[in-house]
Amino acid sequence: MTIKEIAFTAYPVTDMTRARRFYEGVLGLKTSRAWGDESNPSWVEYDIGPGCLAIVAGGAEWPPANGGPGAALEVDDFDAWVKRLKAEQVKFLWEPQETPVCWMAVVLDPDENRLTLHHRKNS
């Protein structure tokens, strides 16, 4: 028996419309699948490469958690993404920084879930 891959990473949100404005409008992600009420789904998935990022209106059973885990999104142009998110007034938890292997910054979505912008130095 083996674990083959991470099937998805999900972020709980309190306001799906507001969350979709961020994930689709600010980050530019395209909806891959959605479940629930057609006009206001409770689960939305975005395929990113071989992985999947989901947002879910989890209610009291699955509330947002700023101190919890976070997904790192590999970006093509780190500086351009930082500039774009700052222009959109996205809150930065960690300002852009360089490590020996990458550049990264941690931002907060509208529910203050953590997302890491990441760019490997060898890519």
PDB file of N, CA and C in Angstrom:
ATOM      1  N   MET A   1       0.839  -1.175   0.000  1.00  0.00           N
ATOM      2  CA  MET A   1       0.000   0.000   0.000  1.00  0.00           C
ATOM      3  C   MET A   1       0.884   1.238   0.000  1.00  0.00           C
ATOM      4  N   THR A   2       0.524   2.220  -0.855  1.00  0.00           N
ATOM      5  CA  THR A   2       1.258   3.482  -0.893  1.00  0.00           C
ATOM      6  C   THR A   2       0.290   4.641  -1.087  1.00  0.00           C
ATOM      7  N   ILE A   3       0.705   5.786  -0.628  1.00  0.00           N
ATOM      8  CA  ILE A   3      -0.025   7.015  -0.933  1.00  0.00           C
ATOM      9  C   ILE A   3       0.558   7.521  -2.240  1.00  0.00           C
ATOM     10  N   LYS A   4      -0.284   7.725  -3.251  1.00  0.00           N
ATOM     11  CA  LYS A   4       0.177   8.053  -4.594  1.00  0.00           C
ATOM     12  C   LYS A   4       0.411   9.532  -4.817  1.00  0.00           C
ATOM     13  N   GLU A   5      -0.397  10.391  -4.209  1.00  0.00           N
ATOM     14  CA  GLU A   5      -0.293  11.831  -4.459  1.00  0.00           C
ATOM     15  C   GLU A   5      -1.189  12.565  -3.474  1.00  0.00           C
ATOM     16  N   ILE A   6      -1.043  13.870  -3.417  1.00  0.00           N
ATOM     17  CA  ILE A   6      -1.993  14.689  -2.674  1.00  0.00           C
ATOM     18  C   ILE A   6      -3.148  14.959  -3.628  1.00  0.00           C
ATOM     19  N   ALA A   7      -4.337  14.521  -3.282  1.00  0.00           N
ATOM     20  CA  ALA A   7      -5.494  14.653  -4.162  1.00  0.00           C
ATOM     21  C   ALA A   7      -5.938  16.116  -4.277  1.00  0.00           C
ATOM     22  N   PHE A   8      -5.955  16.817  -3.157  1.00  0.00           N
ATOM     23  CA  PHE A   8      -6.289  18.238  -3.172  1.00  0.00           C
ATOM     24  C   PHE A   8      -5.864  18.856  -1.857  1.00  0.00           C
ATOM     25  N   THR A   9      -5.715  20.150  -1.875  1.00  0.00           N
ATOM     26  CA  THR A   9      -5.554  20.959  -0.670  1.00  0.00           C
ATOM     27  C   THR A   9      -6.775  21.857  -0.631  1.00  0.00           C
ATOM     28  N   ALA A  10      -7.448  21.936   0.517  1.00  0.00           N
ATOM     29  CA  ALA A  10      -8.675  22.726   0.598  1.00  0.00           C
ATOM     30  C   ALA A  10      -8.556  23.802   1.668  1.00  0.00           C
ATOM     31  N   TYR A  11      -9.117  24.956   1.350  1.00  0.00           N
ATOM     32  CA  TYR A  11      -9.200  26.062   2.291  1.00  0.00           C
ATOM     33  C   TYR A  11     -10.661  26.310   2.626  1.00  0.00           C
ATOM     34  N   PRO A  12     -11.005  26.324   3.909  1.00  0.00           N
ATOM     35  CA  PRO A  12     -12.356  26.683   4.292  1.00  0.00           C
ATOM     36  C   PRO A  12     -12.536  28.197   4.198  1.00  0.00           C
ATOM     37  N   VAL A  13     -13.696  28.618   3.734  1.00  0.00           N
ATOM     38  CA  VAL A  13     -13.993  30.047   3.584  1.00  0.00           C
ATOM     39  C   VAL A  13     -15.356  30.353   4.196  1.00  0.00           C
ATOM     40  N   THR A  14     -15.553  31.598   4.586  1.00  0.00           N
ATOM     41  CA  THR A  14     -16.830  31.992   5.187  1.00  0.00           C
ATOM     42  C   THR A  14     -17.771  32.634   4.180  1.00  0.00           C
ATOM     43  N   ASP A  15     -17.235  33.144   3.084  1.00  0.00           N
ATOM     44  CA  ASP A  15     -18.044  33.823   2.073  1.00  0.00           C
ATOM     45  C   ASP A  15     -17.537  33.380   0.702  1.00  0.00           C
ATOM     46  N   MET A  16     -18.252  32.446   0.085  1.00  0.00           N
ATOM     47  CA  MET A  16     -17.799  31.856  -1.174  1.00  0.00           C
ATOM     48  C   MET A  16     -17.672  32.898  -2.282  1.00  0.00           C
ATOM     49  N   THR A  17     -18.602  33.832  -2.376  1.00  0.00           N
ATOM     50  CA  THR A  17     -18.535  34.852  -3.420  1.00  0.00           C
ATOM     51  C   THR A  17     -17.265  35.689  -3.269  1.00  0.00           C
ATOM     52  N   ARG A  18     -16.992  36.126  -2.046  1.00  0.00           N
ATOM     53  CA  ARG A  18     -15.777  36.916  -1.776  1.00  0.00           C
ATOM     54  C   ARG A  18     -14.531  36.081  -2.045  1.00  0.00           C
ATOM     55  N   ALA A  19     -14.542  34.828  -1.627  1.00  0.00           N
ATOM     56  CA  ALA A  19     -13.388  33.953  -1.848  1.00  0.00           C
ATOM     57  C   ALA A  19     -13.135  33.753  -3.344  1.00  0.00           C
ATOM     58  N   ARG A  20     -14.193  33.554  -4.110  1.00  0.00           N
ATOM     59  CA  ARG A  20     -14.023  33.357  -5.559  1.00  0.00           C
ATOM     60  C   ARG A  20     -13.496  34.617  -6.236  1.00  0.00           C
ATOM     61  N   ARG A  21     -13.891  35.791  -5.750  1.00  0.00           N
ATOM     62  CA  ARG A  21     -13.326  37.035  -6.298  1.00  0.00           C
ATOM     63  C   ARG A  21     -11.817  37.048  -6.106  1.00  0.00           C
ATOM     64  N   PHE A  22     -11.340  36.548  -4.959  1.00  0.00           N
ATOM     65  CA  PHE A  22      -9.909  36.496  -4.694  1.00  0.00           C
ATOM     66  C   PHE A  22      -9.224  35.420  -5.541  1.00  0.00           C
ATOM     67  N   TYR A  23      -9.692  34.173  -5.449  1.00  0.00           N
ATOM     68  CA  TYR A  23      -9.017  33.065  -6.127  1.00  0.00           C
ATOM     69  C   TYR A  23      -9.122  33.161  -7.651  1.00  0.00           C
ATOM     70  N   GLU A  24     -10.249  33.604  -8.155  1.00  0.00           N
ATOM     71  CA  GLU A  24     -10.434  33.702  -9.603  1.00  0.00           C
ATOM     72  C   GLU A  24     -10.059  35.088 -10.127  1.00  0.00           C
ATOM     73  N   GLY A  25     -10.487  36.137  -9.427  1.00  0.00           N
ATOM     74  CA  GLY A  25     -10.219  37.493  -9.898  1.00  0.00           C
ATOM     75  C   GLY A  25      -8.792  37.939  -9.662  1.00  0.00           C
ATOM     76  N   VAL A  26      -8.310  37.803  -8.428  1.00  0.00           N
ATOM     77  CA  VAL A  26      -6.961  38.268  -8.085  1.00  0.00           C
ATOM     78  C   VAL A  26      -5.899  37.276  -8.548  1.00  0.00           C
ATOM     79  N   LEU A  27      -6.094  35.979  -8.219  1.00  0.00           N
ATOM     80  CA  LEU A  27      -5.084  34.981  -8.592  1.00  0.00           C
ATOM     81  C   LEU A  27      -5.245  34.463 -10.019  1.00  0.00           C
ATOM     82  N   GLY A  28      -6.414  34.653 -10.613  1.00  0.00           N
ATOM     83  CA  GLY A  28      -6.631  34.232 -11.989  1.00  0.00           C
ATOM     84  C   GLY A  28      -6.846  32.744 -12.179  1.00  0.00           C
ATOM     85  N   LEU A  29      -7.229  32.027 -11.122  1.00  0.00           N
ATOM     86  CA  LEU A  29      -7.476  30.591 -11.252  1.00  0.00           C
ATOM     87  C   LEU A  29      -8.792  30.348 -11.981  1.00  0.00           C
ATOM     88  N   LYS A  30      -8.845  29.239 -12.696  1.00  0.00           N
ATOM     89  CA  LYS A  30     -10.042  28.855 -13.451  1.00  0.00           C
ATOM     90  C   LYS A  30     -10.726  27.689 -12.747  1.00  0.00           C
ATOM     91  N   THR A  31     -12.036  27.796 -12.578  1.00  0.00           N
ATOM     92  CA  THR A  31     -12.808  26.736 -11.922  1.00  0.00           C
ATOM     93  C   THR A  31     -12.731  25.445 -12.738  1.00  0.00           C
ATOM     94  N   SER A  32     -12.395  24.360 -12.059  1.00  0.00           N
ATOM     95  CA  SER A  32     -12.367  23.035 -12.696  1.00  0.00           C
ATOM     96  C   SER A  32     -13.651  22.267 -12.409  1.00  0.00           C
ATOM     97  N   ARG A  33     -14.109  22.354 -11.156  1.00  0.00           N
ATOM     98  CA  ARG A  33     -15.318  21.664 -10.722  1.00  0.00           C
ATOM     99  C   ARG A  33     -15.946  22.456  -9.581  1.00  0.00           C
ATOM    100  N   ALA A  34     -17.260  22.324  -9.431  1.00  0.00           N
ATOM    101  CA  ALA A  34     -17.958  22.967  -8.307  1.00  0.00           C
ATOM    102  C   ALA A  34     -19.157  22.113  -7.925  1.00  0.00           C
ATOM    103  N   TRP A  35     -19.479  22.107  -6.623  1.00  0.00           N
ATOM    104  CA  TRP A  35     -20.619  21.358  -6.114  1.00  0.00           C
ATOM    105  C   TRP A  35     -21.487  22.249  -5.257  1.00  0.00           C
ATOM    106  N   GLY A  36     -22.749  21.883  -5.176  1.00  0.00           N
ATOM    107  CA  GLY A  36     -23.705  22.620  -4.359  1.00  0.00           C
ATOM    108  C   GLY A  36     -24.610  23.456  -5.234  1.00  0.00           C
ATOM    109  N   ASP A  37     -25.222  24.448  -4.638  1.00  0.00           N
ATOM    110  CA  ASP A  37     -26.105  25.370  -5.352  1.00  0.00           C
ATOM    111  C   ASP A  37     -25.348  25.965  -6.539  1.00  0.00           C
ATOM    112  N   GLU A  38     -25.926  25.858  -7.725  1.00  0.00           N
ATOM    113  CA  GLU A  38     -25.251  26.313  -8.941  1.00  0.00           C
ATOM    114  C   GLU A  38     -24.838  27.783  -8.884  1.00  0.00           C
ATOM    115  N   SER A  39     -25.681  28.640  -8.314  1.00  0.00           N
ATOM    116  CA  SER A  39     -25.362  30.064  -8.255  1.00  0.00           C
ATOM    117  C   SER A  39     -24.407  30.400  -7.107  1.00  0.00           C
ATOM    118  N   ASN A  40     -24.306  29.523  -6.113  1.00  0.00           N
ATOM    119  CA  ASN A  40     -23.413  29.752  -4.986  1.00  0.00           C
ATOM    120  C   ASN A  40     -22.941  28.395  -4.455  1.00  0.00           C
ATOM    121  N   PRO A  41     -22.004  27.755  -5.166  1.00  0.00           N
ATOM    122  CA  PRO A  41     -21.565  26.415  -4.759  1.00  0.00           C
ATOM    123  C   PRO A  41     -20.891  26.435  -3.387  1.00  0.00           C
ATOM    124  N   SER A  42     -20.921  25.297  -2.722  1.00  0.00           N
ATOM    125  CA  SER A  42     -20.279  25.185  -1.419  1.00  0.00           C
ATOM    126  C   SER A  42     -18.868  24.609  -1.531  1.00  0.00           C
ATOM    127  N   TRP A  43     -18.493  24.138  -2.711  1.00  0.00           N
ATOM    128  CA  TRP A  43     -17.159  23.547  -2.934  1.00  0.00           C
ATOM    129  C   TRP A  43     -16.740  23.904  -4.349  1.00  0.00           C
ATOM    130  N   VAL A  44     -15.565  24.508  -4.495  1.00  0.00           N
ATOM    131  CA  VAL A  44     -15.041  24.880  -5.814  1.00  0.00           C
ATOM    132  C   VAL A  44     -13.599  24.395  -5.900  1.00  0.00           C
ATOM    133  N   GLU A  45     -13.250  23.747  -7.014  1.00  0.00           N
ATOM    134  CA  GLU A  45     -11.895  23.239  -7.222  1.00  0.00           C
ATOM    135  C   GLU A  45     -11.217  23.939  -8.386  1.00  0.00           C
ATOM    136  N   TYR A  46      -9.902  24.130  -8.226  1.00  0.00           N
ATOM    137  CA  TYR A  46      -9.052  24.719  -9.258  1.00  0.00           C
ATOM    138  C   TYR A  46      -7.885  23.761  -9.495  1.00  0.00           C
ATOM    139  N   ASP A  47      -7.802  23.194 -10.696  1.00  0.00           N
ATOM    140  CA  ASP A  47      -6.659  22.347 -11.027  1.00  0.00           C
ATOM    141  C   ASP A  47      -5.462  23.232 -11.322  1.00  0.00           C
ATOM    142  N   ILE A  48      -4.342  22.910 -10.685  1.00  0.00           N
ATOM    143  CA  ILE A  48      -3.091  23.643 -10.887  1.00  0.00           C
ATOM    144  C   ILE A  48      -2.025  22.593 -11.144  1.00  0.00           C
ATOM    145  N   GLY A  49      -1.568  22.498 -12.392  1.00  0.00           N
ATOM    146  CA  GLY A  49      -0.632  21.432 -12.730  1.00  0.00           C
ATOM    147  C   GLY A  49      -1.265  20.096 -12.372  1.00  0.00           C
ATOM    148  N   PRO A  50      -0.496  19.188 -11.761  1.00  0.00           N
ATOM    149  CA  PRO A  50      -1.074  17.896 -11.386  1.00  0.00           C
ATOM    150  C   PRO A  50      -1.855  17.943 -10.078  1.00  0.00           C
ATOM    151  N   GLY A  51      -1.884  19.084  -9.389  1.00  0.00           N
ATOM    152  CA  GLY A  51      -2.568  19.193  -8.106  1.00  0.00           C
ATOM    153  C   GLY A  51      -3.904  19.906  -8.213  1.00  0.00           C
ATOM    154  N   CYS A  52      -4.561  20.019  -7.094  1.00  0.00           N
ATOM    155  CA  CYS A  52      -5.871  20.666  -7.041  1.00  0.00           C
ATOM    156  C   CYS A  52      -5.968  21.480  -5.752  1.00  0.00           C
ATOM    157  N   LEU A  53      -6.393  22.724  -5.888  1.00  0.00           N
ATOM    158  CA  LEU A  53      -6.674  23.594  -4.754  1.00  0.00           C
ATOM    159  C   LEU A  53      -8.183  23.783  -4.704  1.00  0.00           C
ATOM    160  N   ALA A  54      -8.773  23.583  -3.533  1.00  0.00           N
ATOM    161  CA  ALA A  54     -10.220  23.717  -3.380  1.00  0.00           C
ATOM    162  C   ALA A  54     -10.529  24.772  -2.331  1.00  0.00           C
ATOM    163  N   ILE A  55     -11.677  25.425  -2.499  1.00  0.00           N
ATOM    164  CA  ILE A  55     -12.216  26.278  -1.442  1.00  0.00           C
ATOM    165  C   ILE A  55     -13.571  25.703  -1.078  1.00  0.00           C
ATOM    166  N   VAL A  56     -13.875  25.714   0.223  1.00  0.00           N
ATOM    167  CA  VAL A  56     -15.093  25.056   0.691  1.00  0.00           C
ATOM    168  C   VAL A  56     -15.761  25.913   1.766  1.00  0.00           C
ATOM    169  N   ALA A  57     -17.062  26.079   1.627  1.00  0.00           N
ATOM    170  CA  ALA A  57     -17.851  26.755   2.655  1.00  0.00           C
ATOM    171  C   ALA A  57     -18.154  25.710   3.719  1.00  0.00           C
ATOM    172  N   GLY A  58     -17.220  25.522   4.629  1.00  0.00           N
ATOM    173  CA  GLY A  58     -17.280  24.426   5.589  1.00  0.00           C
ATOM    174  C   GLY A  58     -18.109  24.677   6.825  1.00  0.00           C
ATOM    175  N   GLY A  59     -18.506  25.924   7.051  1.00  0.00           N
ATOM    176  CA  GLY A  59     -19.325  26.225   8.222  1.00  0.00           C
ATOM    177  C   GLY A  59     -18.594  25.934   9.515  1.00  0.00           C
ATOM    178  N   ALA A  60     -19.352  25.638  10.563  1.00  0.00           N
ATOM    179  CA  ALA A  60     -18.782  25.411  11.887  1.00  0.00           C
ATOM    180  C   ALA A  60     -17.910  24.158  11.940  1.00  0.00           C
ATOM    181  N   GLU A  61     -18.170  23.184  11.060  1.00  0.00           N
ATOM    182  CA  GLU A  61     -17.386  21.948  11.078  1.00  0.00           C
ATOM    183  C   GLU A  61     -15.989  22.128  10.490  1.00  0.00           C
ATOM    184  N   TRP A  62     -15.811  23.146   9.634  1.00  0.00           N
ATOM    185  CA  TRP A  62     -14.509  23.342   8.984  1.00  0.00           C
ATOM    186  C   TRP A  62     -14.255  24.833   8.826  1.00  0.00           C
ATOM    187  N   PRO A  63     -13.927  25.527   9.921  1.00  0.00           N
ATOM    188  CA  PRO A  63     -13.723  26.970   9.859  1.00  0.00           C
ATOM    189  C   PRO A  63     -12.330  27.329   9.337  1.00  0.00           C
ATOM    190  N   PRO A  64     -12.150  28.535   8.781  1.00  0.00           N
ATOM    191  CA  PRO A  64     -10.819  28.989   8.383  1.00  0.00           C
ATOM    192  C   PRO A  64      -9.885  28.980   9.594  1.00  0.00           C
ATOM    193  N   ALA A  65      -8.598  28.793   9.336  1.00  0.00           N
ATOM    194  CA  ALA A  65      -7.624  28.735  10.432  1.00  0.00           C
ATOM    195  C   ALA A  65      -6.309  29.353   9.976  1.00  0.00           C
ATOM    196  N   ASN A  66      -6.095  30.606  10.349  1.00  0.00           N
ATOM    197  CA  ASN A  66      -4.882  31.301   9.943  1.00  0.00           C
ATOM    198  C   ASN A  66      -3.633  30.578  10.409  1.00  0.00           C
ATOM    199  N   GLY A  67      -3.665  29.929  11.537  1.00  0.00           N
ATOM    200  CA  GLY A  67      -2.484  29.256  12.061  1.00  0.00           C
ATOM    201  C   GLY A  67      -2.283  27.858  11.524  1.00  0.00           C
ATOM    202  N   GLY A  68      -3.139  27.428  10.616  1.00  0.00           N
ATOM    203  CA  GLY A  68      -3.049  26.060  10.108  1.00  0.00           C
ATOM    204  C   GLY A  68      -2.103  25.929   8.931  1.00  0.00           C
ATOM    205  N   PRO A  69      -2.149  24.801   8.260  1.00  0.00           N
ATOM    206  CA  PRO A  69      -1.285  24.561   7.100  1.00  0.00           C
ATOM    207  C   PRO A  69      -1.568  25.542   5.971  1.00  0.00           C
ATOM    208  N   GLY A  70      -0.666  25.608   5.026  1.00  0.00           N
ATOM    209  CA  GLY A  70      -0.855  26.485   3.876  1.00  0.00           C
ATOM    210  C   GLY A  70      -0.263  25.863   2.624  1.00  0.00           C
ATOM    211  N   ALA A  71      -0.843  26.175   1.495  1.00  0.00           N
ATOM    212  CA  ALA A  71      -0.342  25.696   0.209  1.00  0.00           C
ATOM    213  C   ALA A  71       0.653  26.700  -0.345  1.00  0.00           C
ATOM    214  N   ALA A  72       1.659  26.208  -1.039  1.00  0.00           N
ATOM    215  CA  ALA A  72       2.625  27.065  -1.720  1.00  0.00           C
ATOM    216  C   ALA A  72       2.366  26.975  -3.220  1.00  0.00           C
ATOM    217  N   LEU A  73       2.141  28.126  -3.846  1.00  0.00           N
ATOM    218  CA  LEU A  73       1.857  28.186  -5.277  1.00  0.00           C
ATOM    219  C   LEU A  73       3.127  28.578  -6.015  1.00  0.00           C
ATOM    220  N   GLU A  74       3.620  27.700  -6.861  1.00  0.00           N
ATOM    221  CA  GLU A  74       4.811  27.990  -7.663  1.00  0.00           C
ATOM    222  C   GLU A  74       4.415  28.965  -8.768  1.00  0.00           C
ATOM    223  N   VAL A  75       5.066  30.130  -8.806  1.00  0.00           N
ATOM    224  CA  VAL A  75       4.718  31.168  -9.777  1.00  0.00           C
ATOM    225  C   VAL A  75       5.831  31.338 -10.801  1.00  0.00           C
ATOM    226  N   ASP A  76       5.458  31.863 -11.964  1.00  0.00           N
ATOM    227  CA  ASP A  76       6.416  32.033 -13.050  1.00  0.00           C
ATOM    228  C   ASP A  76       7.282  33.278 -12.887  1.00  0.00           C
ATOM    229  N   ASP A  77       6.717  34.358 -12.403  1.00  0.00           N
ATOM    230  CA  ASP A  77       7.431  35.630 -12.267  1.00  0.00           C
ATOM    231  C   ASP A  77       7.148  36.176 -10.876  1.00  0.00           C
ATOM    232  N   PHE A  78       8.014  35.854  -9.941  1.00  0.00           N
ATOM    233  CA  PHE A  78       7.803  36.192  -8.540  1.00  0.00           C
ATOM    234  C   PHE A  78       7.588  37.686  -8.325  1.00  0.00           C
ATOM    235  N   ASP A  79       8.465  38.507  -8.888  1.00  0.00           N
ATOM    236  CA  ASP A  79       8.357  39.956  -8.693  1.00  0.00           C
ATOM    237  C   ASP A  79       7.048  40.518  -9.247  1.00  0.00           C
ATOM    238  N   ALA A  80       6.634  40.031 -10.405  1.00  0.00           N
ATOM    239  CA  ALA A  80       5.382  40.503 -10.994  1.00  0.00           C
ATOM    240  C   ALA A  80       4.188  40.112 -10.125  1.00  0.00           C
ATOM    241  N   TRP A  81       4.207  38.898  -9.568  1.00  0.00           N
ATOM    242  CA  TRP A  81       3.120  38.468  -8.690  1.00  0.00           C
ATOM    243  C   TRP A  81       3.073  39.303  -7.421  1.00  0.00           C
ATOM    244  N   VAL A  82       4.227  39.584  -6.836  1.00  0.00           N
ATOM    245  CA  VAL A  82       4.257  40.419  -5.630  1.00  0.00           C
ATOM    246  C   VAL A  82       3.665  41.786  -5.949  1.00  0.00           C
ATOM    247  N   LYS A  83       4.075  42.360  -7.057  1.00  0.00           N
ATOM    248  CA  LYS A  83       3.572  43.675  -7.455  1.00  0.00           C
ATOM    249  C   LYS A  83       2.055  43.634  -7.654  1.00  0.00           C
ATOM    250  N   ARG A  84       1.572  42.597  -8.332  1.00  0.00           N
ATOM    251  CA  ARG A  84       0.131  42.467  -8.593  1.00  0.00           C
ATOM    252  C   ARG A  84      -0.663  42.360  -7.296  1.00  0.00           C
ATOM    253  N   LEU A  85      -0.209  41.508  -6.367  1.00  0.00           N
ATOM    254  CA  LEU A  85      -0.954  41.308  -5.127  1.00  0.00           C
ATOM    255  C   LEU A  85      -0.902  42.551  -4.242  1.00  0.00           C
ATOM    256  N   LYS A  86       0.207  43.253  -4.256  1.00  0.00           N
ATOM    257  CA  LYS A  86       0.274  44.512  -3.501  1.00  0.00           C
ATOM    258  C   LYS A  86      -0.677  45.537  -4.108  1.00  0.00           C
ATOM    259  N   ALA A  87      -0.769  45.587  -5.438  1.00  0.00           N
ATOM    260  CA  ALA A  87      -1.699  46.508  -6.096  1.00  0.00           C
ATOM    261  C   ALA A  87      -3.154  46.177  -5.754  1.00  0.00           C
ATOM    262  N   GLU A  88      -3.428  44.896  -5.546  1.00  0.00           N
ATOM    263  CA  GLU A  88      -4.776  44.449  -5.165  1.00  0.00           C
ATOM    264  C   GLU A  88      -5.006  44.585  -3.661  1.00  0.00           C
ATOM    265  N   GLN A  89      -4.022  45.102  -2.956  1.00  0.00           N
ATOM    266  CA  GLN A  89      -4.068  45.306  -1.502  1.00  0.00           C
ATOM    267  C   GLN A  89      -4.267  44.004  -0.730  1.00  0.00           C
ATOM    268  N   VAL A  90      -3.669  42.924  -1.249  1.00  0.00           N
ATOM    269  CA  VAL A  90      -3.677  41.652  -0.546  1.00  0.00           C
ATOM    270  C   VAL A  90      -2.727  41.784   0.647  1.00  0.00           C
ATOM    271  N   LYS A  91      -3.142  41.251   1.782  1.00  0.00           N
ATOM    272  CA  LYS A  91      -2.350  41.354   3.007  1.00  0.00           C
ATOM    273  C   LYS A  91      -1.188  40.359   2.973  1.00  0.00           C
ATOM    274  N   PHE A  92       0.023  40.865   3.200  1.00  0.00           N
ATOM    275  CA  PHE A  92       1.218  40.030   3.268  1.00  0.00           C
ATOM    276  C   PHE A  92       1.522  39.711   4.721  1.00  0.00           C
ATOM    277  N   LEU A  93       1.578  38.423   5.046  1.00  0.00           N
ATOM    278  CA  LEU A  93       1.957  37.987   6.378  1.00  0.00           C
ATOM    279  C   LEU A  93       3.484  37.969   6.481  1.00  0.00           C
ATOM    280  N   TRP A  94       4.146  37.459   5.454  1.00  0.00           N
ATOM    281  CA  TRP A  94       5.608  37.504   5.324  1.00  0.00           C
ATOM    282  C   TRP A  94       5.896  38.280   4.060  1.00  0.00           C
ATOM    283  N   GLU A  95       6.653  39.318   4.181  1.00  0.00           N
ATOM    284  CA  GLU A  95       7.069  40.072   3.011  1.00  0.00           C
ATOM    285  C   GLU A  95       7.979  39.191   2.154  1.00  0.00           C
ATOM    286  N   PRO A  96       8.142  39.524   0.877  1.00  0.00           N
ATOM    287  CA  PRO A  96       8.998  38.727  -0.005  1.00  0.00           C
ATOM    288  C   PRO A  96      10.396  38.567   0.596  1.00  0.00           C
ATOM    289  N   GLN A  97      10.893  37.351   0.478  1.00  0.00           N
ATOM    290  CA  GLN A  97      12.221  37.055   0.998  1.00  0.00           C
ATOM    291  C   GLN A  97      12.909  36.017   0.132  1.00  0.00           C
ATOM    292  N   GLU A  98      14.219  36.060   0.174  1.00  0.00           N
ATOM    293  CA  GLU A  98      15.030  35.103  -0.568  1.00  0.00           C
ATOM    294  C   GLU A  98      15.597  34.084   0.407  1.00  0.00           C
ATOM    295  N   THR A  99      15.563  32.817  -0.004  1.00  0.00           N
ATOM    296  CA  THR A  99      16.207  31.753   0.758  1.00  0.00           C
ATOM    297  C   THR A  99      17.313  31.186  -0.134  1.00  0.00           C
ATOM    298  N   PRO A 100      18.100  30.266   0.341  1.00  0.00           N
ATOM    299  CA  PRO A 100      19.131  29.684  -0.524  1.00  0.00           C
ATOM    300  C   PRO A 100      18.577  28.985  -1.769  1.00  0.00           C
ATOM    301  N   VAL A 101      17.310  28.524  -1.724  1.00  0.00           N
ATOM    302  CA  VAL A 101      16.761  27.755  -2.850  1.00  0.00           C
ATOM    303  C   VAL A 101      15.599  28.414  -3.572  1.00  0.00           C
ATOM    304  N   CYS A 102      15.045  29.503  -3.002  1.00  0.00           N
ATOM    305  CA  CYS A 102      13.843  30.076  -3.600  1.00  0.00           C
ATOM    306  C   CYS A 102      13.619  31.512  -3.145  1.00  0.00           C
ATOM    307  N   TRP A 103      12.584  32.119  -3.738  1.00  0.00           N
ATOM    308  CA  TRP A 103      12.008  33.363  -3.250  1.00  0.00           C
ATOM    309  C   TRP A 103      10.603  33.007  -2.809  1.00  0.00           C
ATOM    310  N   MET A 104      10.150  33.616  -1.706  1.00  0.00           N
ATOM    311  CA  MET A 104       8.795  33.328  -1.264  1.00  0.00           C
ATOM    312  C   MET A 104       8.233  34.486  -0.453  1.00  0.00           C
ATOM    313  N   ALA A 105       6.906  34.502  -0.388  1.00  0.00           N
ATOM    314  CA  ALA A 105       6.162  35.461   0.425  1.00  0.00           C
ATOM    315  C   ALA A 105       4.873  34.756   0.838  1.00  0.00           C
ATOM    316  N   VAL A 106       4.360  35.112   1.994  1.00  0.00           N
ATOM    317  CA  VAL A 106       3.108  34.513   2.465  1.00  0.00           C
ATOM    318  C   VAL A 106       2.048  35.601   2.512  1.00  0.00           C
ATOM    319  N   VAL A 107       0.926  35.327   1.828  1.00  0.00           N
ATOM    320  CA  VAL A 107      -0.198  36.262   1.795  1.00  0.00           C
ATOM    321  C   VAL A 107      -1.404  35.607   2.458  1.00  0.00           C
ATOM    322  N   LEU A 108      -2.400  36.436   2.747  1.00  0.00           N
ATOM    323  CA  LEU A 108      -3.628  35.935   3.361  1.00  0.00           C
ATOM    324  C   LEU A 108      -4.794  36.121   2.405  1.00  0.00           C
ATOM    325  N   ASP A 109      -5.630  35.093   2.290  1.00  0.00           N
ATOM    326  CA  ASP A 109      -6.856  35.236   1.496  1.00  0.00           C
ATOM    327  C   ASP A 109      -7.866  36.033   2.321  1.00  0.00           C
ATOM    328  N   PRO A 110      -9.065  36.299   1.812  1.00  0.00           N
ATOM    329  CA  PRO A 110     -10.025  37.110   2.570  1.00  0.00           C
ATOM    330  C   PRO A 110     -10.411  36.527   3.935  1.00  0.00           C
ATOM    331  N   ASP A 111     -10.255  35.203   4.133  1.00  0.00           N
ATOM    332  CA  ASP A 111     -10.540  34.588   5.431  1.00  0.00           C
ATOM    333  C   ASP A 111      -9.275  34.404   6.265  1.00  0.00           C
ATOM    334  N   GLU A 112      -8.179  34.972   5.801  1.00  0.00           N
ATOM    335  CA  GLU A 112      -6.866  34.917   6.439  1.00  0.00           C
ATOM    336  C   GLU A 112      -6.251  33.528   6.454  1.00  0.00           C
ATOM    337  N   ASN A 113      -6.628  32.681   5.478  1.00  0.00           N
ATOM    338  CA  ASN A 113      -5.896  31.444   5.235  1.00  0.00           C
ATOM    339  C   ASN A 113      -4.570  31.836   4.597  1.00  0.00           C
ATOM    340  N   ARG A 114      -3.515  31.115   4.916  1.00  0.00           N
ATOM    341  CA  ARG A 114      -2.184  31.417   4.397  1.00  0.00           C
ATOM    342  C   ARG A 114      -1.938  30.766   3.035  1.00  0.00           C
ATOM    343  N   LEU A 115      -1.426  31.564   2.104  1.00  0.00           N
ATOM    344  CA  LEU A 115      -0.986  31.074   0.796  1.00  0.00           C
ATOM    345  C   LEU A 115       0.439  31.562   0.600  1.00  0.00           C
ATOM    346  N   THR A 116       1.310  30.690   0.151  1.00  0.00           N
ATOM    347  CA  THR A 116       2.681  31.074  -0.108  1.00  0.00           C
ATOM    348  C   THR A 116       2.896  31.240  -1.603  1.00  0.00           C
ATOM    349  N   LEU A 117       3.434  32.394  -1.993  1.00  0.00           N
ATOM    350  CA  LEU A 117       3.936  32.566  -3.353  1.00  0.00           C
ATOM    351  C   LEU A 117       5.347  32.017  -3.330  1.00  0.00           C
ATOM    352  N   HIS A 118       5.696  31.204  -4.301  1.00  0.00           N
ATOM    353  CA  HIS A 118       6.995  30.511  -4.268  1.00  0.00           C
ATOM    354  C   HIS A 118       7.593  30.480  -5.667  1.00  0.00           C
ATOM    355  N   HIS A 119       8.899  30.688  -5.746  1.00  0.00           N
ATOM    356  CA  HIS A 119       9.598  30.551  -7.032  1.00  0.00           C
ATOM    357  C   HIS A 119      10.969  29.929  -6.765  1.00  0.00           C
ATOM    358  N   ARG A 120      11.124  28.709  -7.296  1.00  0.00           N
ATOM    359  CA  ARG A 120      12.409  28.008  -7.146  1.00  0.00           C
ATOM    360  C   ARG A 120      13.485  28.702  -7.957  1.00  0.00           C
ATOM    361  N   LYS A 121      14.673  28.744  -7.435  1.00  0.00           N
ATOM    362  CA  LYS A 121      15.776  29.395  -8.141  1.00  0.00           C
ATOM    363  C   LYS A 121      16.200  28.625  -9.385  1.00  0.00           C
ATOM    364  N   ASN A 122      15.970  27.337  -9.434  1.00  0.00           N
ATOM    365  CA  ASN A 122      16.374  26.552 -10.602  1.00  0.00           C
ATOM    366  C   ASN A 122      15.301  26.453 -11.671  1.00  0.00           C
ATOM    367  N   SER A 123      14.179  27.212 -11.529  1.00  0.00           N
ATOM    368  CA  SER A 123      13.126  27.105 -12.548  1.00  0.00           C
ATOM    369  C   SER A 123      13.073  28.328 -13.419  1.00  0.00           C
TER     370      SER A 123
END
